Amino acid sequence: MQGLSLSSLKKHKALIPLYVCVGIGCGGAVFYTLRLALRNPDVSWNKKTNPEPWEAYRNKQYKFYSPIRDYSKEESPAP
């Protein structure tokens, strides 16, 4: 198929930015999904050693980006 091989991309140079943007988008989606699976306090991979992992985030900021608040200075409403 045209545009999928390296020699074909040399002929159709306008497709290179498309492949770069799609590659960056796919990489960002994979990164964010892995971050949610590994860093989110709602996900527990090892329940034997840490049965309540959300307790570690009582005074930590776990949001990806928060321009308004600094969650490390706020008290958690959790019991």
N, C-alpha and C. Protein backbone atom coordinates (compact mmCIF):
# COMPACT_ATOMS: atom_id res chain seq x y z
N MET A 1 0.84 -1.18 0.00
CA MET A 1 0.00 0.00 0.00
C MET A 1 0.88 1.24 0.00
N GLN A 2 0.42 2.22 -0.72
CA GLN A 2 1.19 3.44 -0.86
C GLN A 2 1.15 4.26 0.43
N GLY A 3 2.28 4.79 0.84
CA GLY A 3 2.37 5.63 2.01
C GLY A 3 2.72 4.89 3.28
N LEU A 4 2.82 3.56 3.24
CA LEU A 4 3.12 2.78 4.43
C LEU A 4 4.56 2.29 4.48
N SER A 5 5.27 2.36 3.38
CA SER A 5 6.66 1.93 3.39
C SER A 5 7.57 3.15 3.42
N LEU A 6 8.82 2.93 3.79
CA LEU A 6 9.76 4.04 3.90
C LEU A 6 10.06 4.65 2.53
N SER A 7 10.14 3.82 1.52
CA SER A 7 10.41 4.35 0.17
C SER A 7 9.21 5.14 -0.36
N SER A 8 8.02 4.74 0.01
CA SER A 8 6.83 5.48 -0.41
C SER A 8 6.70 6.80 0.34
N LEU A 9 7.15 6.84 1.61
CA LEU A 9 7.11 8.10 2.36
C LEU A 9 8.08 9.13 1.79
N LYS A 10 9.15 8.66 1.14
CA LYS A 10 10.08 9.60 0.51
C LYS A 10 9.42 10.31 -0.67
N LYS A 11 8.47 9.64 -1.33
CA LYS A 11 7.76 10.25 -2.45
C LYS A 11 6.64 11.16 -1.94
N HIS A 12 5.96 10.77 -0.87
CA HIS A 12 4.84 11.54 -0.32
C HIS A 12 5.26 12.14 1.02
N LYS A 13 5.99 13.23 0.97
CA LYS A 13 6.54 13.83 2.19
C LYS A 13 5.47 14.48 3.06
N ALA A 14 4.30 14.74 2.52
CA ALA A 14 3.23 15.37 3.30
C ALA A 14 2.63 14.40 4.32
N LEU A 15 2.88 13.11 4.18
CA LEU A 15 2.36 12.13 5.13
C LEU A 15 3.22 12.00 6.39
N ILE A 16 4.44 12.48 6.36
CA ILE A 16 5.35 12.35 7.51
C ILE A 16 4.79 13.07 8.74
N PRO A 17 4.31 14.33 8.66
CA PRO A 17 3.75 14.96 9.86
C PRO A 17 2.51 14.23 10.39
N LEU A 18 1.74 13.64 9.51
CA LEU A 18 0.58 12.87 9.94
C LEU A 18 1.00 11.68 10.79
N TYR A 19 2.01 10.94 10.35
CA TYR A 19 2.50 9.79 11.11
C TYR A 19 3.13 10.23 12.43
N VAL A 20 3.81 11.37 12.44
CA VAL A 20 4.42 11.87 13.67
C VAL A 20 3.33 12.25 14.68
N CYS A 21 2.31 12.97 14.23
CA CYS A 21 1.22 13.37 15.14
C CYS A 21 0.44 12.17 15.67
N VAL A 22 0.17 11.21 14.83
CA VAL A 22 -0.54 10.01 15.27
C VAL A 22 0.33 9.22 16.25
N GLY A 23 1.62 9.14 15.98
CA GLY A 23 2.53 8.44 16.89
C GLY A 23 2.62 9.11 18.25
N ILE A 24 2.68 10.45 18.28
CA ILE A 24 2.72 11.18 19.55
C ILE A 24 1.40 11.00 20.30
N GLY A 25 0.29 11.03 19.58
CA GLY A 25 -1.01 10.82 20.22
C GLY A 25 -1.15 9.44 20.82
N CYS A 26 -0.70 8.42 20.10
CA CYS A 26 -0.75 7.05 20.62
C CYS A 26 0.18 6.89 21.82
N GLY A 27 1.35 7.48 21.75
CA GLY A 27 2.28 7.42 22.87
C GLY A 27 1.72 8.10 24.11
N GLY A 28 1.08 9.26 23.93
CA GLY A 28 0.47 9.96 25.06
C GLY A 28 -0.67 9.16 25.68
N ALA A 29 -1.47 8.51 24.84
CA ALA A 29 -2.57 7.70 25.36
C ALA A 29 -2.05 6.50 26.15
N VAL A 30 -1.00 5.87 25.67
CA VAL A 30 -0.41 4.74 26.38
C VAL A 30 0.20 5.21 27.70
N PHE A 31 0.90 6.34 27.68
CA PHE A 31 1.50 6.88 28.90
C PHE A 31 0.44 7.18 29.95
N TYR A 32 -0.65 7.84 29.55
CA TYR A 32 -1.68 8.21 30.51
C TYR A 32 -2.41 6.98 31.05
N THR A 33 -2.64 6.00 30.21
CA THR A 33 -3.28 4.76 30.68
C THR A 33 -2.39 4.03 31.68
N LEU A 34 -1.10 3.95 31.40
CA LEU A 34 -0.17 3.32 32.34
C LEU A 34 -0.07 4.11 33.64
N ARG A 35 -0.10 5.43 33.55
CA ARG A 35 -0.06 6.25 34.75
C ARG A 35 -1.30 6.02 35.61
N LEU A 36 -2.45 5.94 34.98
CA LEU A 36 -3.67 5.66 35.73
C LEU A 36 -3.63 4.28 36.38
N ALA A 37 -3.08 3.31 35.68
CA ALA A 37 -3.04 1.95 36.22
C ALA A 37 -2.03 1.80 37.35
N LEU A 38 -0.97 2.60 37.33
CA LEU A 38 0.09 2.42 38.33
C LEU A 38 0.03 3.42 39.47
N ARG A 39 -0.48 4.63 39.25
CA ARG A 39 -0.41 5.68 40.26
C ARG A 39 -1.75 6.05 40.89
N ASN A 40 -2.84 5.58 40.36
CA ASN A 40 -4.16 5.95 40.86
C ASN A 40 -4.43 5.25 42.19
N PRO A 41 -4.92 5.97 43.21
CA PRO A 41 -5.17 5.31 44.50
C PRO A 41 -6.37 4.36 44.46
N ASP A 42 -7.18 4.41 43.42
CA ASP A 42 -8.31 3.50 43.31
C ASP A 42 -7.90 2.11 42.83
N VAL A 43 -6.69 1.98 42.31
CA VAL A 43 -6.21 0.71 41.77
C VAL A 43 -5.25 0.08 42.76
N SER A 44 -5.50 -1.18 43.11
CA SER A 44 -4.63 -1.89 44.03
C SER A 44 -4.14 -3.17 43.36
N TRP A 45 -2.84 -3.23 43.11
CA TRP A 45 -2.26 -4.40 42.45
C TRP A 45 -1.87 -5.47 43.46
N ASN A 46 -1.56 -5.07 44.68
CA ASN A 46 -1.10 -6.02 45.69
C ASN A 46 -1.88 -5.79 46.98
N LYS A 47 -2.95 -6.53 47.16
CA LYS A 47 -3.80 -6.33 48.33
C LYS A 47 -3.25 -6.98 49.60
N LYS A 48 -2.31 -7.88 49.48
CA LYS A 48 -1.79 -8.55 50.67
C LYS A 48 -0.87 -7.65 51.49
N THR A 49 0.03 -6.93 50.83
CA THR A 49 0.96 -6.08 51.57
C THR A 49 0.39 -4.70 51.87
N ASN A 50 -0.54 -4.22 51.05
CA ASN A 50 -1.12 -2.90 51.25
C ASN A 50 -2.62 -2.97 50.98
N PRO A 51 -3.43 -3.36 51.97
CA PRO A 51 -4.85 -3.55 51.71
C PRO A 51 -5.62 -2.24 51.47
N GLU A 52 -5.11 -1.12 51.96
CA GLU A 52 -5.77 0.17 51.76
C GLU A 52 -4.77 1.19 51.20
N PRO A 53 -4.49 1.15 49.89
CA PRO A 53 -3.47 2.03 49.32
C PRO A 53 -3.88 3.49 49.28
N TRP A 54 -5.15 3.79 49.37
CA TRP A 54 -5.60 5.17 49.32
C TRP A 54 -5.23 5.95 50.58
N GLU A 55 -4.89 5.26 51.65
CA GLU A 55 -4.48 5.95 52.88
C GLU A 55 -3.14 6.68 52.70
N ALA A 56 -2.33 6.22 51.79
CA ALA A 56 -1.04 6.88 51.54
C ALA A 56 -1.24 8.23 50.85
N TYR A 57 -2.40 8.44 50.24
CA TYR A 57 -2.67 9.68 49.51
C TYR A 57 -3.52 10.65 50.31
N ARG A 58 -3.58 10.49 51.60
CA ARG A 58 -4.42 11.36 52.42
C ARG A 58 -3.98 12.82 52.31
N ASN A 59 -2.69 13.09 52.31
CA ASN A 59 -2.19 14.47 52.24
C ASN A 59 -1.30 14.70 51.02
N LYS A 60 -1.45 13.90 50.00
CA LYS A 60 -0.64 14.05 48.79
C LYS A 60 -1.51 14.51 47.63
N GLN A 61 -0.87 15.16 46.69
CA GLN A 61 -1.56 15.56 45.46
C GLN A 61 -1.35 14.45 44.44
N TYR A 62 -2.43 13.86 43.98
CA TYR A 62 -2.30 12.81 42.99
C TYR A 62 -2.95 13.18 41.67
N LYS A 63 -3.44 14.41 41.55
CA LYS A 63 -3.97 14.86 40.27
C LYS A 63 -2.81 15.12 39.32
N PHE A 64 -3.06 14.96 38.04
CA PHE A 64 -2.02 15.15 37.04
C PHE A 64 -1.58 16.61 36.98
N TYR A 65 -2.54 17.54 37.01
CA TYR A 65 -2.22 18.97 36.93
C TYR A 65 -3.33 19.75 37.62
N SER A 66 -2.97 20.60 38.53
CA SER A 66 -3.93 21.44 39.23
C SER A 66 -3.36 22.84 39.35
N PRO A 67 -3.80 23.77 38.51
CA PRO A 67 -3.23 25.12 38.54
C PRO A 67 -3.73 25.96 39.71
N ILE A 68 -4.82 25.57 40.34
CA ILE A 68 -5.44 26.42 41.35
C ILE A 68 -5.05 26.02 42.76
N ARG A 69 -5.12 24.74 43.09
CA ARG A 69 -4.94 24.29 44.47
C ARG A 69 -3.63 23.55 44.68
N ASP A 70 -3.14 23.65 45.89
CA ASP A 70 -2.02 22.82 46.33
C ASP A 70 -2.59 21.85 47.36
N TYR A 71 -2.79 20.62 46.96
CA TYR A 71 -3.47 19.65 47.81
C TYR A 71 -2.62 19.18 48.98
N SER A 72 -1.33 19.46 48.97
CA SER A 72 -0.51 19.05 50.08
C SER A 72 -0.77 19.89 51.33
N LYS A 73 -1.35 21.08 51.17
CA LYS A 73 -1.64 21.96 52.29
C LYS A 73 -3.08 21.83 52.81
N GLU A 74 -3.92 21.10 52.08
CA GLU A 74 -5.33 20.97 52.49
C GLU A 74 -5.54 19.69 53.27
N GLU A 75 -6.49 19.75 54.20
CA GLU A 75 -6.84 18.58 55.00
C GLU A 75 -7.79 17.70 54.19
N SER A 76 -7.60 16.41 54.27
CA SER A 76 -8.43 15.45 53.55
C SER A 76 -9.77 15.30 54.25
N PRO A 77 -10.88 15.22 53.50
CA PRO A 77 -12.17 15.01 54.13
C PRO A 77 -12.44 13.54 54.47
N ALA A 78 -11.47 12.69 54.19
CA ALA A 78 -11.66 11.26 54.48
C ALA A 78 -11.69 11.01 55.98
N PRO A 79 -12.49 10.05 56.44
CA PRO A 79 -12.56 9.76 57.89
C PRO A 79 -11.30 9.10 58.42
